[in-house]
């Protein structure tokens, strides 16, 4: 569980850094497209992680009752 939290926090931090550099215009067009694609992939991964966590919580609640 600690690994997942560290991974989640790291992804959020990296996404914030990439978004800031993209907004400031520090990247060329190709790098901007790559950062946008990577940010989208990371967002989907995080949503999937949250969905899996919610499913695990639901299973644990169901098993407990």
C-alpha atoms as a PDB file:
ATOM      1  CA  UNK A   1       0.000   0.000   0.000  1.00  0.00           C
ATOM      2  CA  UNK A   2       2.891   2.359   0.735  1.00  0.00           C
ATOM      3  CA  UNK A   3       4.271   1.693  -2.738  1.00  0.00           C
ATOM      4  CA  UNK A   4       0.964   2.690  -4.341  1.00  0.00           C
ATOM      5  CA  UNK A   5       0.812   5.905  -2.319  1.00  0.00           C
ATOM      6  CA  UNK A   6       4.395   6.800  -3.211  1.00  0.00           C
ATOM      7  CA  UNK A   7       3.707   6.051  -6.887  1.00  0.00           C
ATOM      8  CA  UNK A   8       0.531   8.149  -6.791  1.00  0.00           C
ATOM      9  CA  UNK A   9       2.317  11.092  -5.147  1.00  0.00           C
ATOM     10  CA  UNK A  10       5.232  10.880  -7.571  1.00  0.00           C
ATOM     11  CA  UNK A  11       2.924  10.859 -10.589  1.00  0.00           C
ATOM     12  CA  UNK A  12       1.032  13.881  -9.297  1.00  0.00           C
ATOM     13  CA  UNK A  13       4.294  15.765  -8.699  1.00  0.00           C
ATOM     14  CA  UNK A  14       5.694  14.935 -12.147  1.00  0.00           C
ATOM     15  CA  UNK A  15       2.416  15.854 -13.837  1.00  0.00           C
ATOM     16  CA  UNK A  16       2.429  19.231 -12.074  1.00  0.00           C
ATOM     17  CA  UNK A  17       6.001  19.926 -13.178  1.00  0.00           C
ATOM     18  CA  UNK A  18       5.302  18.962 -16.787  1.00  0.00           C
ATOM     19  CA  UNK A  19       2.112  21.016 -16.881  1.00  0.00           C
ATOM     20  CA  UNK A  20       3.916  24.089 -15.539  1.00  0.00           C
ATOM     21  CA  UNK A  21       6.677  23.833 -18.138  1.00  0.00           C
ATOM     22  CA  UNK A  22       4.095  23.318 -20.890  1.00  0.00           C
ATOM     23  CA  UNK A  23       2.081  26.371 -19.810  1.00  0.00           C
ATOM     24  CA  UNK A  24       5.170  28.594 -19.648  1.00  0.00           C
ATOM     25  CA  UNK A  25       6.072  27.751 -23.242  1.00  0.00           C
ATOM     26  CA  UNK A  26       9.397  26.174 -22.341  1.00  0.00           C
ATOM     27  CA  UNK A  27       8.830  23.240 -24.694  1.00  0.00           C
ATOM     28  CA  UNK A  28       8.817  23.000 -28.470  1.00  0.00           C
ATOM     29  CA  UNK A  29       5.807  21.617 -30.357  1.00  0.00           C
ATOM     30  CA  UNK A  30       6.930  17.965 -30.385  1.00  0.00           C
ATOM     31  CA  UNK A  31       7.799  17.978 -26.694  1.00  0.00           C
ATOM     32  CA  UNK A  32       4.490  19.689 -25.940  1.00  0.00           C
ATOM     33  CA  UNK A  33       2.593  16.884 -27.706  1.00  0.00           C
ATOM     34  CA  UNK A  34       4.624  14.260 -25.860  1.00  0.00           C
ATOM     35  CA  UNK A  35       3.988  15.890 -22.488  1.00  0.00           C
ATOM     36  CA  UNK A  36       0.271  16.149 -23.221  1.00  0.00           C
ATOM     37  CA  UNK A  37       0.107  12.460 -24.196  1.00  0.00           C
ATOM     38  CA  UNK A  38       2.096  11.386 -21.162  1.00  0.00           C
ATOM     39  CA  UNK A  39      -0.073  13.472 -18.857  1.00  0.00           C
ATOM     40  CA  UNK A  40      -3.192  11.872 -20.329  1.00  0.00           C
ATOM     41  CA  UNK A  41      -1.753   8.387 -19.872  1.00  0.00           C
ATOM     42  CA  UNK A  42      -0.768   9.169 -16.291  1.00  0.00           C
ATOM     43  CA  UNK A  43      -4.255  10.542 -15.609  1.00  0.00           C
ATOM     44  CA  UNK A  44      -5.871   7.329 -16.900  1.00  0.00           C
ATOM     45  CA  UNK A  45      -3.465   5.253 -14.818  1.00  0.00           C
ATOM     46  CA  UNK A  46      -4.340   7.203 -11.677  1.00  0.00           C
ATOM     47  CA  UNK A  47      -8.071   6.878 -12.361  1.00  0.00           C
ATOM     48  CA  UNK A  48      -7.589   3.146 -12.789  1.00  0.00           C
ATOM     49  CA  UNK A  49      -5.673   2.982  -9.528  1.00  0.00           C
ATOM     50  CA  UNK A  50      -8.482   4.808  -7.745  1.00  0.00           C
ATOM     51  CA  UNK A  51     -11.063   2.458  -9.278  1.00  0.00           C
ATOM     52  CA  UNK A  52      -9.096  -0.605  -8.148  1.00  0.00           C
ATOM     53  CA  UNK A  53      -8.777   0.886  -4.667  1.00  0.00           C
ATOM     54  CA  UNK A  54     -12.520   1.523  -4.536  1.00  0.00           C
ATOM     55  CA  UNK A  55     -13.195  -2.046  -5.669  1.00  0.00           C
ATOM     56  CA  UNK A  56     -10.880  -3.425  -2.970  1.00  0.00           C
ATOM     57  CA  UNK A  57     -12.632  -1.318  -0.342  1.00  0.00           C
ATOM     58  CA  UNK A  58     -16.024  -2.552  -1.557  1.00  0.00           C
ATOM     59  CA  UNK A  59     -14.886  -6.174  -1.381  1.00  0.00           C
ATOM     60  CA  UNK A  60     -13.477  -5.704   2.112  1.00  0.00           C
ATOM     61  CA  UNK A  61     -16.698  -4.064   3.293  1.00  0.00           C
ATOM     62  CA  UNK A  62     -18.739  -6.872   1.737  1.00  0.00           C
ATOM     63  CA  UNK A  63     -16.559  -9.550   3.362  1.00  0.00           C
ATOM     64  CA  UNK A  64     -16.782  -7.860   6.755  1.00  0.00           C
ATOM     65  CA  UNK A  65     -20.549  -7.824   6.933  1.00  0.00           C
END
